[in-house]
Every structure is written in C-alpha cells, then in structure tokens.
Amino acid sequence: MNPTDTVTLMVGFIRTCLLVSTPLLVASLVAGLIVGIMQTATQVNEASVSYVVKVVVVVGVVVALGPTLASEMVRYTRECFTNVAEVVK
C-alpha cells in the first residue's frame, strides 16, 4: 500500500462521515436556532423545549434520509472490504 492509496482511503472516510453527519447536524442547528429565537421572543427559557424539538427534527431527518445515509455507509464499507487485499499487501 503506497501513500496515495492511504490518502484515497482517508478521503473516502472523511467524505462518507461528512455526507452522513451533515444533514443531521444542519437540521439540529436550524431547529436550535429557530427554537432559540422563539424562546427569546416569548421569554420562555425552558431547556427541555429545545432538546425535544431537536430530537424530533433529527429523528425526522433520519426517517426521511435514513435509506440514503445507510446506502452511503454500506457503499464505503463494501469499498473498504474489497480493497482489503491491497491494504494488507
């Protein structure tokens, strides 16, 4: 295994991590911002409201994008397993 293969493997890993985590993190961020603005406007400072909304939004994103995210993880895992012979060379 040469350095180019190692870099390719790591770039694929980082790409897969970003593709899988970004929708969840962005949804949680947007939900938190919206709830924060609403709590500021109404002067209701209850921490559990923000938490519950974020959980509901993240679960909704997982339900909506779960198959796509899972297929991306499976694709990368298959790619890694098919390249095992090259990695251990």
PDB file of N, CA and C in Angstrom:
ATOM      1  N   MET A   1       0.855  -1.178   0.000  1.00  0.00           N
ATOM      2  CA  MET A   1       0.000   0.000   0.000  1.00  0.00           C
ATOM      3  C   MET A   1       0.896   1.235   0.000  1.00  0.00           C
ATOM      4  N   ASN A   2       0.693   2.083  -0.958  1.00  0.00           N
ATOM      5  CA  ASN A   2       1.503   3.292  -1.040  1.00  0.00           C
ATOM      6  C   ASN A   2       0.751   4.484  -0.420  1.00  0.00           C
ATOM      7  N   PRO A   3       1.433   5.582  -0.244  1.00  0.00           N
ATOM      8  CA  PRO A   3       0.788   6.748   0.382  1.00  0.00           C
ATOM      9  C   PRO A   3      -0.444   7.262  -0.371  1.00  0.00           C
ATOM     10  N   THR A   4      -0.451   7.135  -1.676  1.00  0.00           N
ATOM     11  CA  THR A   4      -1.598   7.584  -2.460  1.00  0.00           C
ATOM     12  C   THR A   4      -2.843   6.783  -2.102  1.00  0.00           C
ATOM     13  N   ASP A   5      -2.686   5.466  -1.926  1.00  0.00           N
ATOM     14  CA  ASP A   5      -3.821   4.623  -1.536  1.00  0.00           C
ATOM     15  C   ASP A   5      -4.331   4.990  -0.148  1.00  0.00           C
ATOM     16  N   THR A   6      -3.399   5.292   0.739  1.00  0.00           N
ATOM     17  CA  THR A   6      -3.785   5.679   2.090  1.00  0.00           C
ATOM     18  C   THR A   6      -4.576   6.980   2.070  1.00  0.00           C
ATOM     19  N   VAL A   7      -4.110   7.938   1.319  1.00  0.00           N
ATOM     20  CA  VAL A   7      -4.809   9.220   1.221  1.00  0.00           C
ATOM     21  C   VAL A   7      -6.187   9.021   0.598  1.00  0.00           C
ATOM     22  N   THR A   8      -6.280   8.198  -0.430  1.00  0.00           N
ATOM     23  CA  THR A   8      -7.561   7.923  -1.073  1.00  0.00           C
ATOM     24  C   THR A   8      -8.534   7.288  -0.088  1.00  0.00           C
ATOM     25  N   LEU A   9      -8.033   6.346   0.705  1.00  0.00           N
ATOM     26  CA  LEU A   9      -8.872   5.688   1.703  1.00  0.00           C
ATOM     27  C   LEU A   9      -9.361   6.679   2.752  1.00  0.00           C
ATOM     28  N   MET A  10      -8.482   7.544   3.219  1.00  0.00           N
ATOM     29  CA  MET A  10      -8.859   8.523   4.240  1.00  0.00           C
ATOM     30  C   MET A  10      -9.810   9.589   3.679  1.00  0.00           C
ATOM     31  N   VAL A  11      -9.607   9.992   2.436  1.00  0.00           N
ATOM     32  CA  VAL A  11     -10.516  10.962   1.819  1.00  0.00           C
ATOM     33  C   VAL A  11     -11.910  10.354   1.690  1.00  0.00           C
ATOM     34  N   GLY A  12     -11.974   9.091   1.314  1.00  0.00           N
ATOM     35  CA  GLY A  12     -13.270   8.409   1.249  1.00  0.00           C
ATOM     36  C   GLY A  12     -13.944   8.328   2.607  1.00  0.00           C
ATOM     37  N   PHE A  13     -13.141   8.076   3.654  1.00  0.00           N
ATOM     38  CA  PHE A  13     -13.674   8.013   5.008  1.00  0.00           C
ATOM     39  C   PHE A  13     -14.233   9.366   5.445  1.00  0.00           C
ATOM     40  N   ILE A  14     -13.470  10.418   5.228  1.00  0.00           N
ATOM     41  CA  ILE A  14     -13.915  11.758   5.627  1.00  0.00           C
ATOM     42  C   ILE A  14     -15.144  12.177   4.819  1.00  0.00           C
ATOM     43  N   ARG A  15     -15.140  11.861   3.544  1.00  0.00           N
ATOM     44  CA  ARG A  15     -16.285  12.181   2.688  1.00  0.00           C
ATOM     45  C   ARG A  15     -17.541  11.483   3.181  1.00  0.00           C
ATOM     46  N   THR A  16     -17.416  10.203   3.504  1.00  0.00           N
ATOM     47  CA  THR A  16     -18.562   9.441   3.994  1.00  0.00           C
ATOM     48  C   THR A  16     -19.057   9.989   5.332  1.00  0.00           C
ATOM     49  N   CYS A  17     -18.142  10.307   6.220  1.00  0.00           N
ATOM     50  CA  CYS A  17     -18.533  10.886   7.517  1.00  0.00           C
ATOM     51  C   CYS A  17     -19.277  12.200   7.330  1.00  0.00           C
ATOM     52  N   LEU A  18     -18.782  13.039   6.445  1.00  0.00           N
ATOM     53  CA  LEU A  18     -19.439  14.322   6.199  1.00  0.00           C
ATOM     54  C   LEU A  18     -20.810  14.138   5.555  1.00  0.00           C
ATOM     55  N   LEU A  19     -20.911  13.229   4.603  1.00  0.00           N
ATOM     56  CA  LEU A  19     -22.194  13.001   3.941  1.00  0.00           C
ATOM     57  C   LEU A  19     -23.243  12.451   4.901  1.00  0.00           C
ATOM     58  N   VAL A  20     -22.807  11.640   5.851  1.00  0.00           N
ATOM     59  CA  VAL A  20     -23.755  11.034   6.783  1.00  0.00           C
ATOM     60  C   VAL A  20     -24.119  11.993   7.918  1.00  0.00           C
ATOM     61  N   SER A  21     -23.153  12.736   8.413  1.00  0.00           N
ATOM     62  CA  SER A  21     -23.418  13.566   9.599  1.00  0.00           C
ATOM     63  C   SER A  21     -23.958  14.959   9.277  1.00  0.00           C
ATOM     64  N   THR A  22     -23.644  15.508   8.123  1.00  0.00           N
ATOM     65  CA  THR A  22     -24.034  16.876   7.814  1.00  0.00           C
ATOM     66  C   THR A  22     -25.544  17.118   7.848  1.00  0.00           C
ATOM     67  N   PRO A  23     -26.372  16.270   7.245  1.00  0.00           N
ATOM     68  CA  PRO A  23     -27.815  16.546   7.315  1.00  0.00           C
ATOM     69  C   PRO A  23     -28.345  16.565   8.749  1.00  0.00           C
ATOM     70  N   LEU A  24     -27.844  15.669   9.581  1.00  0.00           N
ATOM     71  CA  LEU A  24     -28.305  15.623  10.970  1.00  0.00           C
ATOM     72  C   LEU A  24     -27.857  16.856  11.744  1.00  0.00           C
ATOM     73  N   LEU A  25     -26.608  17.242  11.550  1.00  0.00           N
ATOM     74  CA  LEU A  25     -26.091  18.405  12.266  1.00  0.00           C
ATOM     75  C   LEU A  25     -26.747  19.703  11.805  1.00  0.00           C
ATOM     76  N   VAL A  26     -26.961  19.845  10.513  1.00  0.00           N
ATOM     77  CA  VAL A  26     -27.596  21.056   9.992  1.00  0.00           C
ATOM     78  C   VAL A  26     -29.045  21.143  10.476  1.00  0.00           C
ATOM     79  N   ALA A  27     -29.760  20.033  10.450  1.00  0.00           N
ATOM     80  CA  ALA A  27     -31.150  20.036  10.930  1.00  0.00           C
ATOM     81  C   ALA A  27     -31.211  20.405  12.403  1.00  0.00           C
ATOM     82  N   SER A  28     -30.312  19.857  13.198  1.00  0.00           N
ATOM     83  CA  SER A  28     -30.273  20.177  14.623  1.00  0.00           C
ATOM     84  C   SER A  28     -29.914  21.642  14.847  1.00  0.00           C
ATOM     85  N   LEU A  29     -28.983  22.154  14.072  1.00  0.00           N
ATOM     86  CA  LEU A  29     -28.584  23.560  14.186  1.00  0.00           C
ATOM     87  C   LEU A  29     -29.741  24.487  13.849  1.00  0.00           C
ATOM     88  N   VAL A  30     -30.420  24.225  12.753  1.00  0.00           N
ATOM     89  CA  VAL A  30     -31.538  25.071  12.340  1.00  0.00           C
ATOM     90  C   VAL A  30     -32.662  25.006  13.371  1.00  0.00           C
ATOM     91  N   ALA A  31     -32.973  23.805  13.847  1.00  0.00           N
ATOM     92  CA  ALA A  31     -34.022  23.675  14.865  1.00  0.00           C
ATOM     93  C   ALA A  31     -33.642  24.420  16.135  1.00  0.00           C
ATOM     94  N   GLY A  32     -32.398  24.320  16.545  1.00  0.00           N
ATOM     95  CA  GLY A  32     -31.937  25.027  17.739  1.00  0.00           C
ATOM     96  C   GLY A  32     -32.010  26.535  17.578  1.00  0.00           C
ATOM     97  N   LEU A  33     -31.631  27.024  16.397  1.00  0.00           N
ATOM     98  CA  LEU A  33     -31.717  28.464  16.148  1.00  0.00           C
ATOM     99  C   LEU A  33     -33.157  28.961  16.169  1.00  0.00           C
ATOM    100  N   ILE A  34     -34.034  28.213  15.520  1.00  0.00           N
ATOM    101  CA  ILE A  34     -35.447  28.623  15.483  1.00  0.00           C
ATOM    102  C   ILE A  34     -36.045  28.603  16.882  1.00  0.00           C
ATOM    103  N   VAL A  35     -35.787  27.541  17.635  1.00  0.00           N
ATOM    104  CA  VAL A  35     -36.314  27.457  18.999  1.00  0.00           C
ATOM    105  C   VAL A  35     -35.699  28.555  19.866  1.00  0.00           C
ATOM    106  N   GLY A  36     -34.422  28.817  19.698  1.00  0.00           N
ATOM    107  CA  GLY A  36     -33.775  29.881  20.464  1.00  0.00           C
ATOM    108  C   GLY A  36     -34.382  31.243  20.192  1.00  0.00           C
ATOM    109  N   ILE A  37     -34.655  31.520  18.925  1.00  0.00           N
ATOM    110  CA  ILE A  37     -35.285  32.796  18.565  1.00  0.00           C
ATOM    111  C   ILE A  37     -36.690  32.872  19.153  1.00  0.00           C
ATOM    112  N   MET A  38     -37.425  31.767  19.051  1.00  0.00           N
ATOM    113  CA  MET A  38     -38.787  31.755  19.611  1.00  0.00           C
ATOM    114  C   MET A  38     -38.762  31.914  21.129  1.00  0.00           C
ATOM    115  N   GLN A  39     -37.821  31.261  21.788  1.00  0.00           N
ATOM    116  CA  GLN A  39     -37.733  31.386  23.239  1.00  0.00           C
ATOM    117  C   GLN A  39     -37.335  32.803  23.647  1.00  0.00           C
ATOM    118  N   THR A  40     -36.489  33.419  22.874  1.00  0.00           N
ATOM    119  CA  THR A  40     -36.106  34.797  23.168  1.00  0.00           C
ATOM    120  C   THR A  40     -37.282  35.741  22.963  1.00  0.00           C
ATOM    121  N   ALA A  41     -38.021  35.522  21.894  1.00  0.00           N
ATOM    122  CA  ALA A  41     -39.156  36.395  21.596  1.00  0.00           C
ATOM    123  C   ALA A  41     -40.263  36.251  22.631  1.00  0.00           C
ATOM    124  N   THR A  42     -40.482  35.032  23.112  1.00  0.00           N
ATOM    125  CA  THR A  42     -41.571  34.809  24.071  1.00  0.00           C
ATOM    126  C   THR A  42     -41.081  34.815  25.508  1.00  0.00           C
ATOM    127  N   GLN A  43     -39.789  34.921  25.722  1.00  0.00           N
ATOM    128  CA  GLN A  43     -39.160  34.919  27.040  1.00  0.00           C
ATOM    129  C   GLN A  43     -39.467  33.644  27.829  1.00  0.00           C
ATOM    130  N   VAL A  44     -39.573  32.537  27.107  1.00  0.00           N
ATOM    131  CA  VAL A  44     -39.739  31.226  27.734  1.00  0.00           C
ATOM    132  C   VAL A  44     -38.382  30.538  27.654  1.00  0.00           C
ATOM    133  N   ASN A  45     -37.707  30.404  28.768  1.00  0.00           N
ATOM    134  CA  ASN A  45     -36.368  29.819  28.781  1.00  0.00           C
ATOM    135  C   ASN A  45     -36.408  28.438  29.426  1.00  0.00           C
ATOM    136  N   GLU A  46     -36.959  27.499  28.711  1.00  0.00           N
ATOM    137  CA  GLU A  46     -37.024  26.125  29.183  1.00  0.00           C
ATOM    138  C   GLU A  46     -36.101  25.278  28.311  1.00  0.00           C
ATOM    139  N   ALA A  47     -35.107  24.658  28.924  1.00  0.00           N
ATOM    140  CA  ALA A  47     -34.101  23.888  28.169  1.00  0.00           C
ATOM    141  C   ALA A  47     -34.700  22.653  27.521  1.00  0.00           C
ATOM    142  N   SER A  48     -35.704  22.050  28.129  1.00  0.00           N
ATOM    143  CA  SER A  48     -36.265  20.812  27.585  1.00  0.00           C
ATOM    144  C   SER A  48     -36.998  21.059  26.268  1.00  0.00           C
ATOM    145  N   VAL A  49     -37.511  22.254  26.051  1.00  0.00           N
ATOM    146  CA  VAL A  49     -38.204  22.558  24.797  1.00  0.00           C
ATOM    147  C   VAL A  49     -37.226  22.439  23.631  1.00  0.00           C
ATOM    148  N   SER A  50     -36.083  23.046  23.769  1.00  0.00           N
ATOM    149  CA  SER A  50     -35.077  22.988  22.715  1.00  0.00           C
ATOM    150  C   SER A  50     -34.627  21.550  22.469  1.00  0.00           C
ATOM    151  N   TYR A  51     -34.432  20.808  23.545  1.00  0.00           N
ATOM    152  CA  TYR A  51     -33.974  19.424  23.417  1.00  0.00           C
ATOM    153  C   TYR A  51     -35.000  18.567  22.690  1.00  0.00           C
ATOM    154  N   VAL A  52     -36.257  18.686  23.087  1.00  0.00           N
ATOM    155  CA  VAL A  52     -37.313  17.863  22.475  1.00  0.00           C
ATOM    156  C   VAL A  52     -37.459  18.196  20.996  1.00  0.00           C
ATOM    157  N   VAL A  53     -37.430  19.465  20.653  1.00  0.00           N
ATOM    158  CA  VAL A  53     -37.567  19.861  19.252  1.00  0.00           C
ATOM    159  C   VAL A  53     -36.402  19.328  18.426  1.00  0.00           C
ATOM    160  N   LYS A  54     -35.195  19.427  18.956  1.00  0.00           N
ATOM    161  CA  LYS A  54     -34.035  18.914  18.227  1.00  0.00           C
ATOM    162  C   LYS A  54     -34.126  17.407  18.014  1.00  0.00           C
ATOM    163  N   VAL A  55     -34.554  16.685  19.035  1.00  0.00           N
ATOM    164  CA  VAL A  55     -34.680  15.229  18.903  1.00  0.00           C
ATOM    165  C   VAL A  55     -35.719  14.883  17.851  1.00  0.00           C
ATOM    166  N   VAL A  56     -36.850  15.566  17.864  1.00  0.00           N
ATOM    167  CA  VAL A  56     -37.902  15.294  16.885  1.00  0.00           C
ATOM    168  C   VAL A  56     -37.412  15.595  15.468  1.00  0.00           C
ATOM    169  N   VAL A  57     -36.713  16.697  15.302  1.00  0.00           N
ATOM    170  CA  VAL A  57     -36.209  17.064  13.979  1.00  0.00           C
ATOM    171  C   VAL A  57     -35.164  16.063  13.493  1.00  0.00           C
ATOM    172  N   VAL A  58     -34.251  15.664  14.365  1.00  0.00           N
ATOM    173  CA  VAL A  58     -33.215  14.705  13.969  1.00  0.00           C
ATOM    174  C   VAL A  58     -33.836  13.352  13.639  1.00  0.00           C
ATOM    175  N   VAL A  59     -34.811  12.925  14.409  1.00  0.00           N
ATOM    176  CA  VAL A  59     -35.495  11.656  14.100  1.00  0.00           C
ATOM    177  C   VAL A  59     -36.212  11.762  12.761  1.00  0.00           C
ATOM    178  N   GLY A  60     -36.831  12.904  12.490  1.00  0.00           N
ATOM    179  CA  GLY A  60     -37.481  13.104  11.196  1.00  0.00           C
ATOM    180  C   GLY A  60     -36.499  13.045  10.039  1.00  0.00           C
ATOM    181  N   VAL A  61     -35.338  13.637  10.222  1.00  0.00           N
ATOM    182  CA  VAL A  61     -34.308  13.602   9.173  1.00  0.00           C
ATOM    183  C   VAL A  61     -33.804  12.172   8.978  1.00  0.00           C
ATOM    184  N   VAL A  62     -33.620  11.452  10.064  1.00  0.00           N
ATOM    185  CA  VAL A  62     -33.165  10.060   9.951  1.00  0.00           C
ATOM    186  C   VAL A  62     -34.210   9.216   9.229  1.00  0.00           C
ATOM    187  N   VAL A  63     -35.470   9.438   9.538  1.00  0.00           N
ATOM    188  CA  VAL A  63     -36.532   8.686   8.849  1.00  0.00           C
ATOM    189  C   VAL A  63     -36.565   9.054   7.365  1.00  0.00           C
ATOM    190  N   ALA A  64     -36.432  10.338   7.067  1.00  0.00           N
ATOM    191  CA  ALA A  64     -36.513  10.784   5.675  1.00  0.00           C
ATOM    192  C   ALA A  64     -35.276  10.396   4.865  1.00  0.00           C
ATOM    193  N   LEU A  65     -34.091  10.546   5.462  1.00  0.00           N
ATOM    194  CA  LEU A  65     -32.850  10.311   4.717  1.00  0.00           C
ATOM    195  C   LEU A  65     -32.130   9.028   5.122  1.00  0.00           C
ATOM    196  N   GLY A  66     -32.719   8.264   6.014  1.00  0.00           N
ATOM    197  CA  GLY A  66     -32.070   7.048   6.507  1.00  0.00           C
ATOM    198  C   GLY A  66     -31.597   6.095   5.425  1.00  0.00           C
ATOM    199  N   PRO A  67     -32.465   5.754   4.469  1.00  0.00           N
ATOM    200  CA  PRO A  67     -32.010   4.837   3.411  1.00  0.00           C
ATOM    201  C   PRO A  67     -30.828   5.379   2.606  1.00  0.00           C
ATOM    202  N   THR A  68     -30.835   6.658   2.326  1.00  0.00           N
ATOM    203  CA  THR A  68     -29.733   7.259   1.571  1.00  0.00           C
ATOM    204  C   THR A  68     -28.447   7.248   2.386  1.00  0.00           C
ATOM    205  N   LEU A  69     -28.547   7.620   3.653  1.00  0.00           N
ATOM    206  CA  LEU A  69     -27.369   7.636   4.521  1.00  0.00           C
ATOM    207  C   LEU A  69     -26.828   6.226   4.727  1.00  0.00           C
ATOM    208  N   ALA A  70     -27.718   5.275   4.920  1.00  0.00           N
ATOM    209  CA  ALA A  70     -27.287   3.893   5.116  1.00  0.00           C
ATOM    210  C   ALA A  70     -26.639   3.333   3.854  1.00  0.00           C
ATOM    211  N   SER A  71     -27.187   3.657   2.699  1.00  0.00           N
ATOM    212  CA  SER A  71     -26.586   3.152   1.455  1.00  0.00           C
ATOM    213  C   SER A  71     -25.195   3.734   1.245  1.00  0.00           C
ATOM    214  N   GLU A  72     -24.992   4.975   1.654  1.00  0.00           N
ATOM    215  CA  GLU A  72     -23.661   5.578   1.539  1.00  0.00           C
ATOM    216  C   GLU A  72     -22.664   4.879   2.467  1.00  0.00           C
ATOM    217  N   MET A  73     -23.103   4.559   3.683  1.00  0.00           N
ATOM    218  CA  MET A  73     -22.219   3.845   4.613  1.00  0.00           C
ATOM    219  C   MET A  73     -21.922   2.434   4.114  1.00  0.00           C
ATOM    220  N   VAL A  74     -22.921   1.769   3.564  1.00  0.00           N
ATOM    221  CA  VAL A  74     -22.722   0.416   3.034  1.00  0.00           C
ATOM    222  C   VAL A  74     -21.788   0.458   1.830  1.00  0.00           C
ATOM    223  N   ARG A  75     -21.936   1.472   0.976  1.00  0.00           N
ATOM    224  CA  ARG A  75     -21.056   1.605  -0.185  1.00  0.00           C
ATOM    225  C   ARG A  75     -19.606   1.746   0.240  1.00  0.00           C
ATOM    226  N   TYR A  76     -19.351   2.588   1.236  1.00  0.00           N
ATOM    227  CA  TYR A  76     -17.979   2.785   1.703  1.00  0.00           C
ATOM    228  C   TYR A  76     -17.441   1.522   2.373  1.00  0.00           C
ATOM    229  N   THR A  77     -18.268   0.853   3.145  1.00  0.00           N
ATOM    230  CA  THR A  77     -17.840  -0.384   3.809  1.00  0.00           C
ATOM    231  C   THR A  77     -17.491  -1.453   2.786  1.00  0.00           C
ATOM    232  N   ARG A  78     -18.321  -1.597   1.764  1.00  0.00           N
ATOM    233  CA  ARG A  78     -18.021  -2.567   0.701  1.00  0.00           C
ATOM    234  C   ARG A  78     -16.725  -2.211  -0.021  1.00  0.00           C
ATOM    235  N   GLU A  79     -16.536  -0.926  -0.266  1.00  0.00           N
ATOM    236  CA  GLU A  79     -15.310  -0.478  -0.925  1.00  0.00           C
ATOM    237  C   GLU A  79     -14.087  -0.829  -0.072  1.00  0.00           C
ATOM    238  N   CYS A  80     -14.197  -0.632   1.233  1.00  0.00           N
ATOM    239  CA  CYS A  80     -13.083  -0.968   2.129  1.00  0.00           C
ATOM    240  C   CYS A  80     -12.810  -2.474   2.123  1.00  0.00           C
ATOM    241  N   PHE A  81     -13.867  -3.270   2.210  1.00  0.00           N
ATOM    242  CA  PHE A  81     -13.677  -4.715   2.237  1.00  0.00           C
ATOM    243  C   PHE A  81     -13.142  -5.258   0.927  1.00  0.00           C
ATOM    244  N   THR A  82     -13.527  -4.652  -0.193  1.00  0.00           N
ATOM    245  CA  THR A  82     -12.988  -5.136  -1.461  1.00  0.00           C
ATOM    246  C   THR A  82     -11.527  -4.745  -1.640  1.00  0.00           C
ATOM    247  N   ASN A  83     -11.082  -3.715  -0.923  1.00  0.00           N
ATOM    248  CA  ASN A  83      -9.704  -3.273  -1.033  1.00  0.00           C
ATOM    249  C   ASN A  83      -8.809  -3.815   0.083  1.00  0.00           C
ATOM    250  N   VAL A  84      -9.304  -4.761   0.861  1.00  0.00           N
ATOM    251  CA  VAL A  84      -8.518  -5.311   1.976  1.00  0.00           C
ATOM    252  C   VAL A  84      -7.232  -5.952   1.445  1.00  0.00           C
ATOM    253  N   ALA A  85      -7.321  -6.644   0.366  1.00  0.00           N
ATOM    254  CA  ALA A  85      -6.138  -7.297  -0.183  1.00  0.00           C
ATOM    255  C   ALA A  85      -5.052  -6.279  -0.547  1.00  0.00           C
ATOM    256  N   GLU A  86      -5.466  -5.125  -1.024  1.00  0.00           N
ATOM    257  CA  GLU A  86      -4.493  -4.082  -1.368  1.00  0.00           C
ATOM    258  C   GLU A  86      -3.930  -3.406  -0.122  1.00  0.00           C
ATOM    259  N   VAL A  87      -4.750  -3.282   0.908  1.00  0.00           N
ATOM    260  CA  VAL A  87      -4.334  -2.584   2.111  1.00  0.00           C
ATOM    261  C   VAL A  87      -3.287  -3.386   2.890  1.00  0.00           C
ATOM    262  N   VAL A  88      -3.476  -4.688   2.977  1.00  0.00           N
ATOM    263  CA  VAL A  88      -2.578  -5.518   3.792  1.00  0.00           C
ATOM    264  C   VAL A  88      -1.359  -6.005   3.013  1.00  0.00           C
ATOM    265  N   LYS A  89      -1.232  -5.619   1.779  1.00  0.00           N
ATOM    266  CA  LYS A  89      -0.119  -6.037   0.938  1.00  0.00           C
ATOM    267  C   LYS A  89       1.188  -5.507   1.446  1.00  0.00           C
TER     268      LYS A  89
END
